[in-house]
C-alpha atoms as a PDB file:
ATOM      1  CA  UNK A   1       0.000   0.000   0.000  1.00  0.00           C
ATOM      2  CA  UNK A   2       1.096   3.536  -0.682  1.00  0.00           C
ATOM      3  CA  UNK A   3      -0.214   6.631   1.107  1.00  0.00           C
ATOM      4  CA  UNK A   4       0.300  10.302   0.285  1.00  0.00           C
ATOM      5  CA  UNK A   5       1.517  11.552   3.670  1.00  0.00           C
ATOM      6  CA  UNK A   6       1.942  15.111   2.403  1.00  0.00           C
ATOM      7  CA  UNK A   7      -1.844  15.614   2.588  1.00  0.00           C
ATOM      8  CA  UNK A   8      -3.125  17.822   5.396  1.00  0.00           C
ATOM      9  CA  UNK A   9      -5.478  15.531   7.348  1.00  0.00           C
ATOM     10  CA  UNK A  10      -5.582  11.898   8.406  1.00  0.00           C
ATOM     11  CA  UNK A  11      -8.840  11.151   6.495  1.00  0.00           C
ATOM     12  CA  UNK A  12      -7.252  12.508   3.289  1.00  0.00           C
ATOM     13  CA  UNK A  13      -4.101  10.465   3.870  1.00  0.00           C
ATOM     14  CA  UNK A  14      -6.156   7.299   4.449  1.00  0.00           C
ATOM     15  CA  UNK A  15      -8.253   8.038   1.345  1.00  0.00           C
ATOM     16  CA  UNK A  16      -5.059   8.267  -0.752  1.00  0.00           C
ATOM     17  CA  UNK A  17      -4.359   4.558  -0.179  1.00  0.00           C
ATOM     18  CA  UNK A  18      -3.086   2.938  -3.385  1.00  0.00           C
ATOM     19  CA  UNK A  19      -2.397  -0.813  -3.614  1.00  0.00           C
ATOM     20  CA  UNK A  20       0.981  -1.599  -5.178  1.00  0.00           C
ATOM     21  CA  UNK A  21       1.043  -5.380  -4.771  1.00  0.00           C
ATOM     22  CA  UNK A  22      -1.438  -8.218  -4.481  1.00  0.00           C
ATOM     23  CA  UNK A  23       0.969 -10.033  -2.155  1.00  0.00           C
ATOM     24  CA  UNK A  24       0.051  -9.979   1.533  1.00  0.00           C
ATOM     25  CA  UNK A  25       3.462 -11.293   2.666  1.00  0.00           C
ATOM     26  CA  UNK A  26       5.223  -7.919   2.669  1.00  0.00           C
ATOM     27  CA  UNK A  27       6.872  -6.949   5.937  1.00  0.00           C
ATOM     28  CA  UNK A  28       9.613  -4.457   6.886  1.00  0.00           C
ATOM     29  CA  UNK A  29      10.314  -1.355   4.805  1.00  0.00           C
ATOM     30  CA  UNK A  30      13.538   0.642   4.774  1.00  0.00           C
ATOM     31  CA  UNK A  31      14.870   3.585   2.840  1.00  0.00           C
ATOM     32  CA  UNK A  32      18.405   2.883   1.620  1.00  0.00           C
ATOM     33  CA  UNK A  33      21.255   5.206   0.688  1.00  0.00           C
ATOM     34  CA  UNK A  34      20.206   5.030  -2.948  1.00  0.00           C
ATOM     35  CA  UNK A  35      16.827   6.636  -2.042  1.00  0.00           C
ATOM     36  CA  UNK A  36      14.862   3.487  -2.868  1.00  0.00           C
ATOM     37  CA  UNK A  37      12.624   1.692  -0.382  1.00  0.00           C
ATOM     38  CA  UNK A  38      13.402  -1.989   0.121  1.00  0.00           C
ATOM     39  CA  UNK A  39      10.609  -4.346   1.196  1.00  0.00           C
ATOM     40  CA  UNK A  40      11.154  -7.543   3.195  1.00  0.00           C
ATOM     41  CA  UNK A  41       9.077 -10.413   1.869  1.00  0.00           C
ATOM     42  CA  UNK A  42       8.107 -13.794   3.326  1.00  0.00           C
ATOM     43  CA  UNK A  43      10.259 -16.764   4.300  1.00  0.00           C
ATOM     44  CA  UNK A  44       9.345 -18.485   1.060  1.00  0.00           C
ATOM     45  CA  UNK A  45      11.217 -16.149  -1.289  1.00  0.00           C
ATOM     46  CA  UNK A  46      14.854 -15.153  -1.690  1.00  0.00           C
ATOM     47  CA  UNK A  47      13.788 -11.740  -3.015  1.00  0.00           C
ATOM     48  CA  UNK A  48      13.476  -8.258  -1.574  1.00  0.00           C
ATOM     49  CA  UNK A  49      10.961  -5.920  -3.180  1.00  0.00           C
ATOM     50  CA  UNK A  50      12.059  -2.456  -4.331  1.00  0.00           C
ATOM     51  CA  UNK A  51      10.143   0.817  -4.607  1.00  0.00           C
ATOM     52  CA  UNK A  52      12.370   2.549  -7.170  1.00  0.00           C
ATOM     53  CA  UNK A  53      10.671   5.981  -7.088  1.00  0.00           C
ATOM     54  CA  UNK A  54       9.104   6.412  -3.620  1.00  0.00           C
ATOM     55  CA  UNK A  55       7.977  10.007  -4.224  1.00  0.00           C
ATOM     56  CA  UNK A  56       5.919   9.109  -7.298  1.00  0.00           C
ATOM     57  CA  UNK A  57       2.324   8.138  -6.592  1.00  0.00           C
ATOM     58  CA  UNK A  58       0.668   4.928  -7.753  1.00  0.00           C
ATOM     59  CA  UNK A  59       2.175   2.547 -10.259  1.00  0.00           C
ATOM     60  CA  UNK A  60       4.640   5.261 -11.301  1.00  0.00           C
ATOM     61  CA  UNK A  61       6.618   4.500  -8.127  1.00  0.00           C
ATOM     62  CA  UNK A  62       7.898   1.443 -10.036  1.00  0.00           C
ATOM     63  CA  UNK A  63       7.478  -1.170  -7.296  1.00  0.00           C
ATOM     64  CA  UNK A  64       9.272  -4.372  -8.290  1.00  0.00           C
ATOM     65  CA  UNK A  65       8.095  -7.261  -6.127  1.00  0.00           C
ATOM     66  CA  UNK A  66      11.123  -9.464  -6.840  1.00  0.00           C
ATOM     67  CA  UNK A  67      13.567  -6.592  -7.169  1.00  0.00           C
ATOM     68  CA  UNK A  68      16.738  -8.003  -5.595  1.00  0.00           C
ATOM     69  CA  UNK A  69      17.680 -11.675  -5.385  1.00  0.00           C
ATOM     70  CA  UNK A  70      19.432 -12.360  -2.065  1.00  0.00           C
ATOM     71  CA  UNK A  71      20.282 -15.938  -3.008  1.00  0.00           C
ATOM     72  CA  UNK A  72      22.161 -15.858  -6.308  1.00  0.00           C
ATOM     73  CA  UNK A  73      24.400 -18.724  -5.120  1.00  0.00           C
ATOM     74  CA  UNK A  74      21.405 -20.906  -4.094  1.00  0.00           C
ATOM     75  CA  UNK A  75      22.536 -21.053  -0.436  1.00  0.00           C
ATOM     76  CA  UNK A  76      19.058 -20.581   1.083  1.00  0.00           C
ATOM     77  CA  UNK A  77      19.436 -16.861   1.874  1.00  0.00           C
ATOM     78  CA  UNK A  78      16.364 -14.732   2.496  1.00  0.00           C
ATOM     79  CA  UNK A  79      15.566 -11.623   4.523  1.00  0.00           C
ATOM     80  CA  UNK A  80      13.440 -13.645   7.003  1.00  0.00           C
ATOM     81  CA  UNK A  81      10.716 -11.019   7.451  1.00  0.00           C
ATOM     82  CA  UNK A  82      13.089  -8.165   8.265  1.00  0.00           C
ATOM     83  CA  UNK A  83      15.852  -5.944   7.008  1.00  0.00           C
ATOM     84  CA  UNK A  84      19.155  -4.911   8.609  1.00  0.00           C
ATOM     85  CA  UNK A  85      19.130  -1.849  10.833  1.00  0.00           C
ATOM     86  CA  UNK A  86      21.187   0.432   8.601  1.00  0.00           C
ATOM     87  CA  UNK A  87      18.849   3.415   8.844  1.00  0.00           C
ATOM     88  CA  UNK A  88      20.545   4.872  11.920  1.00  0.00           C
ATOM     89  CA  UNK A  89      23.937   4.715  10.233  1.00  0.00           C
ATOM     90  CA  UNK A  90      22.504   6.331   7.104  1.00  0.00           C
ATOM     91  CA  UNK A  91      21.092   9.242   9.103  1.00  0.00           C
ATOM     92  CA  UNK A  92      24.378   9.772  10.949  1.00  0.00           C
ATOM     93  CA  UNK A  93      26.630   9.657   7.876  1.00  0.00           C
ATOM     94  CA  UNK A  94      24.524  11.073   5.049  1.00  0.00           C
ATOM     95  CA  UNK A  95      22.445  13.629   6.899  1.00  0.00           C
ATOM     96  CA  UNK A  96      24.557  14.354   9.980  1.00  0.00           C
ATOM     97  CA  UNK A  97      21.593  13.659  12.290  1.00  0.00           C
ATOM     98  CA  UNK A  98      22.508  12.986  15.908  1.00  0.00           C
ATOM     99  CA  UNK A  99      20.012  11.930  18.557  1.00  0.00           C
ATOM    100  CA  UNK A 100      20.749  14.096  21.597  1.00  0.00           C
ATOM    101  CA  UNK A 101      17.799  13.131  23.776  1.00  0.00           C
ATOM    102  CA  UNK A 102      16.067   9.921  24.706  1.00  0.00           C
ATOM    103  CA  UNK A 103      12.917  11.643  25.915  1.00  0.00           C
ATOM    104  CA  UNK A 104      10.882  10.442  22.921  1.00  0.00           C
ATOM    105  CA  UNK A 105      12.259   6.909  22.987  1.00  0.00           C
ATOM    106  CA  UNK A 106      10.072   4.475  24.866  1.00  0.00           C
ATOM    107  CA  UNK A 107      11.621   1.397  26.424  1.00  0.00           C
ATOM    108  CA  UNK A 108      10.449  -1.872  24.945  1.00  0.00           C
ATOM    109  CA  UNK A 109       9.002  -3.831  27.862  1.00  0.00           C
ATOM    110  CA  UNK A 110      10.016  -7.057  26.115  1.00  0.00           C
ATOM    111  CA  UNK A 111      13.747  -6.292  26.277  1.00  0.00           C
ATOM    112  CA  UNK A 112      13.798  -7.741  29.795  1.00  0.00           C
ATOM    113  CA  UNK A 113      12.159 -11.055  28.822  1.00  0.00           C
ATOM    114  CA  UNK A 114      14.650 -13.911  28.832  1.00  0.00           C
ATOM    115  CA  UNK A 115      14.620 -17.260  27.023  1.00  0.00           C
ATOM    116  CA  UNK A 116      17.047 -19.945  28.133  1.00  0.00           C
ATOM    117  CA  UNK A 117      18.783 -22.224  27.391  1.00  0.00           C
ATOM    118  CA  UNK A 118      19.215 -21.367  23.734  1.00  0.00           C
ATOM    119  CA  UNK A 119      20.105 -23.630  21.968  1.00  0.00           C
ATOM    120  CA  UNK A 120      18.291 -26.450  23.753  1.00  0.00           C
ATOM    121  CA  UNK A 121      17.877 -30.161  23.162  1.00  0.00           C
ATOM    122  CA  UNK A 122      14.803 -30.288  25.426  1.00  0.00           C
ATOM    123  CA  UNK A 123      12.740 -27.348  26.693  1.00  0.00           C
ATOM    124  CA  UNK A 124      13.094 -23.583  26.660  1.00  0.00           C
ATOM    125  CA  UNK A 125      12.184 -21.387  29.618  1.00  0.00           C
ATOM    126  CA  UNK A 126      10.583 -17.998  29.088  1.00  0.00           C
ATOM    127  CA  UNK A 127      11.119 -15.648  32.034  1.00  0.00           C
ATOM    128  CA  UNK A 128       8.563 -12.824  31.986  1.00  0.00           C
ATOM    129  CA  UNK A 129      10.039 -10.948  34.905  1.00  0.00           C
ATOM    130  CA  UNK A 130       7.506  -8.324  36.045  1.00  0.00           C
ATOM    131  CA  UNK A 131       5.191  -8.624  33.013  1.00  0.00           C
ATOM    132  CA  UNK A 132       1.681  -9.935  33.739  1.00  0.00           C
ATOM    133  CA  UNK A 133       1.146 -11.705  30.393  1.00  0.00           C
ATOM    134  CA  UNK A 134       2.404 -11.697  26.821  1.00  0.00           C
ATOM    135  CA  UNK A 135       1.373 -13.179  23.517  1.00  0.00           C
ATOM    136  CA  UNK A 136       3.854 -15.578  21.920  1.00  0.00           C
ATOM    137  CA  UNK A 137       3.970 -17.163  18.490  1.00  0.00           C
ATOM    138  CA  UNK A 138       6.575 -19.615  17.255  1.00  0.00           C
ATOM    139  CA  UNK A 139       7.427 -19.707  13.540  1.00  0.00           C
ATOM    140  CA  UNK A 140       9.506 -22.460  11.934  1.00  0.00           C
ATOM    141  CA  UNK A 141      12.162 -21.835   9.284  1.00  0.00           C
ATOM    142  CA  UNK A 142       9.592 -22.232   6.484  1.00  0.00           C
ATOM    143  CA  UNK A 143       7.455 -19.408   7.878  1.00  0.00           C
ATOM    144  CA  UNK A 144       4.749 -21.701   9.283  1.00  0.00           C
ATOM    145  CA  UNK A 145       3.328 -20.802  12.678  1.00  0.00           C
ATOM    146  CA  UNK A 146       3.710 -23.876  14.880  1.00  0.00           C
ATOM    147  CA  UNK A 147       2.355 -22.397  18.109  1.00  0.00           C
ATOM    148  CA  UNK A 148       0.524 -19.296  19.283  1.00  0.00           C
ATOM    149  CA  UNK A 149      -0.605 -18.665  22.840  1.00  0.00           C
ATOM    150  CA  UNK A 150      -0.836 -16.153  25.660  1.00  0.00           C
ATOM    151  CA  UNK A 151       1.285 -16.827  28.712  1.00  0.00           C
ATOM    152  CA  UNK A 152       0.871 -15.182  32.059  1.00  0.00           C
ATOM    153  CA  UNK A 153       3.174 -16.795  34.556  1.00  0.00           C
ATOM    154  CA  UNK A 154       6.554 -15.636  35.830  1.00  0.00           C
ATOM    155  CA  UNK A 155       8.268 -18.523  34.046  1.00  0.00           C
ATOM    156  CA  UNK A 156       6.831 -20.551  31.164  1.00  0.00           C
ATOM    157  CA  UNK A 157       8.216 -23.820  29.740  1.00  0.00           C
ATOM    158  CA  UNK A 158       7.811 -24.605  26.050  1.00  0.00           C
ATOM    159  CA  UNK A 159       9.444 -26.355  23.124  1.00  0.00           C
ATOM    160  CA  UNK A 160       9.595 -29.973  24.264  1.00  0.00           C
ATOM    161  CA  UNK A 161       7.396 -30.887  21.279  1.00  0.00           C
ATOM    162  CA  UNK A 162       9.502 -29.003  18.701  1.00  0.00           C
ATOM    163  CA  UNK A 163      11.578 -31.038  16.288  1.00  0.00           C
ATOM    164  CA  UNK A 164      15.247 -30.038  15.869  1.00  0.00           C
ATOM    165  CA  UNK A 165      15.659 -26.908  13.759  1.00  0.00           C
ATOM    166  CA  UNK A 166      15.647 -23.126  13.773  1.00  0.00           C
ATOM    167  CA  UNK A 167      12.602 -21.245  15.025  1.00  0.00           C
ATOM    168  CA  UNK A 168      11.644 -17.625  15.601  1.00  0.00           C
ATOM    169  CA  UNK A 169       9.577 -16.729  18.642  1.00  0.00           C
ATOM    170  CA  UNK A 170       7.736 -13.420  18.528  1.00  0.00           C
ATOM    171  CA  UNK A 171       6.756 -11.904  21.857  1.00  0.00           C
ATOM    172  CA  UNK A 172       4.026  -9.234  21.909  1.00  0.00           C
ATOM    173  CA  UNK A 173       2.624  -6.974  24.576  1.00  0.00           C
ATOM    174  CA  UNK A 174       0.322  -4.217  23.355  1.00  0.00           C
ATOM    175  CA  UNK A 175       1.918  -2.671  20.265  1.00  0.00           C
ATOM    176  CA  UNK A 176       5.452  -3.750  21.204  1.00  0.00           C
ATOM    177  CA  UNK A 177       7.043  -6.854  19.711  1.00  0.00           C
ATOM    178  CA  UNK A 178      10.357  -8.656  19.902  1.00  0.00           C
ATOM    179  CA  UNK A 179      11.554 -11.632  17.835  1.00  0.00           C
ATOM    180  CA  UNK A 180      14.187 -14.060  19.096  1.00  0.00           C
ATOM    181  CA  UNK A 181      15.862 -16.838  17.125  1.00  0.00           C
ATOM    182  CA  UNK A 182      15.657 -20.255  18.819  1.00  0.00           C
ATOM    183  CA  UNK A 183      17.742 -23.322  18.030  1.00  0.00           C
ATOM    184  CA  UNK A 184      16.289 -26.713  18.948  1.00  0.00           C
ATOM    185  CA  UNK A 185      18.982 -29.387  18.943  1.00  0.00           C
END
């Protein structure tokens, strides 16, 4: 979806919504040094989408769904639902922007949640600390959700039923989320 955020009111911005892709598996977006916007796609593709002309509305923005192949050597590379955090470096180098205050930065409550041991041949323990409850979902390396639940105890055991492999557990509380890579031996 593309929105014209230069419009003056929220209803006008929402009304400017223009679909650019029929694919629902589009995730993280990032502006790169070349001025293009790169779009993380699902686990099932080695491609990253590219918005070549982000300031042009509609199809003129030249969105290419399979714009960059991350796996030209057929090694199984993909962006895994996210992109690297290069935006901060870009702002510092290219635009000389320096964050001098943390007043507007809110702490992610999930930063204190611990999962151990990792890797594990048996179970994993999720330590919620002071949090009353969180939503968890476990995704396997093919992008399939293998478990989704809400946990509300100080310490929660899980993973004894997982087969060996790599998993991603996403923790959510309100609008905050954190994803952790798990290795089941």
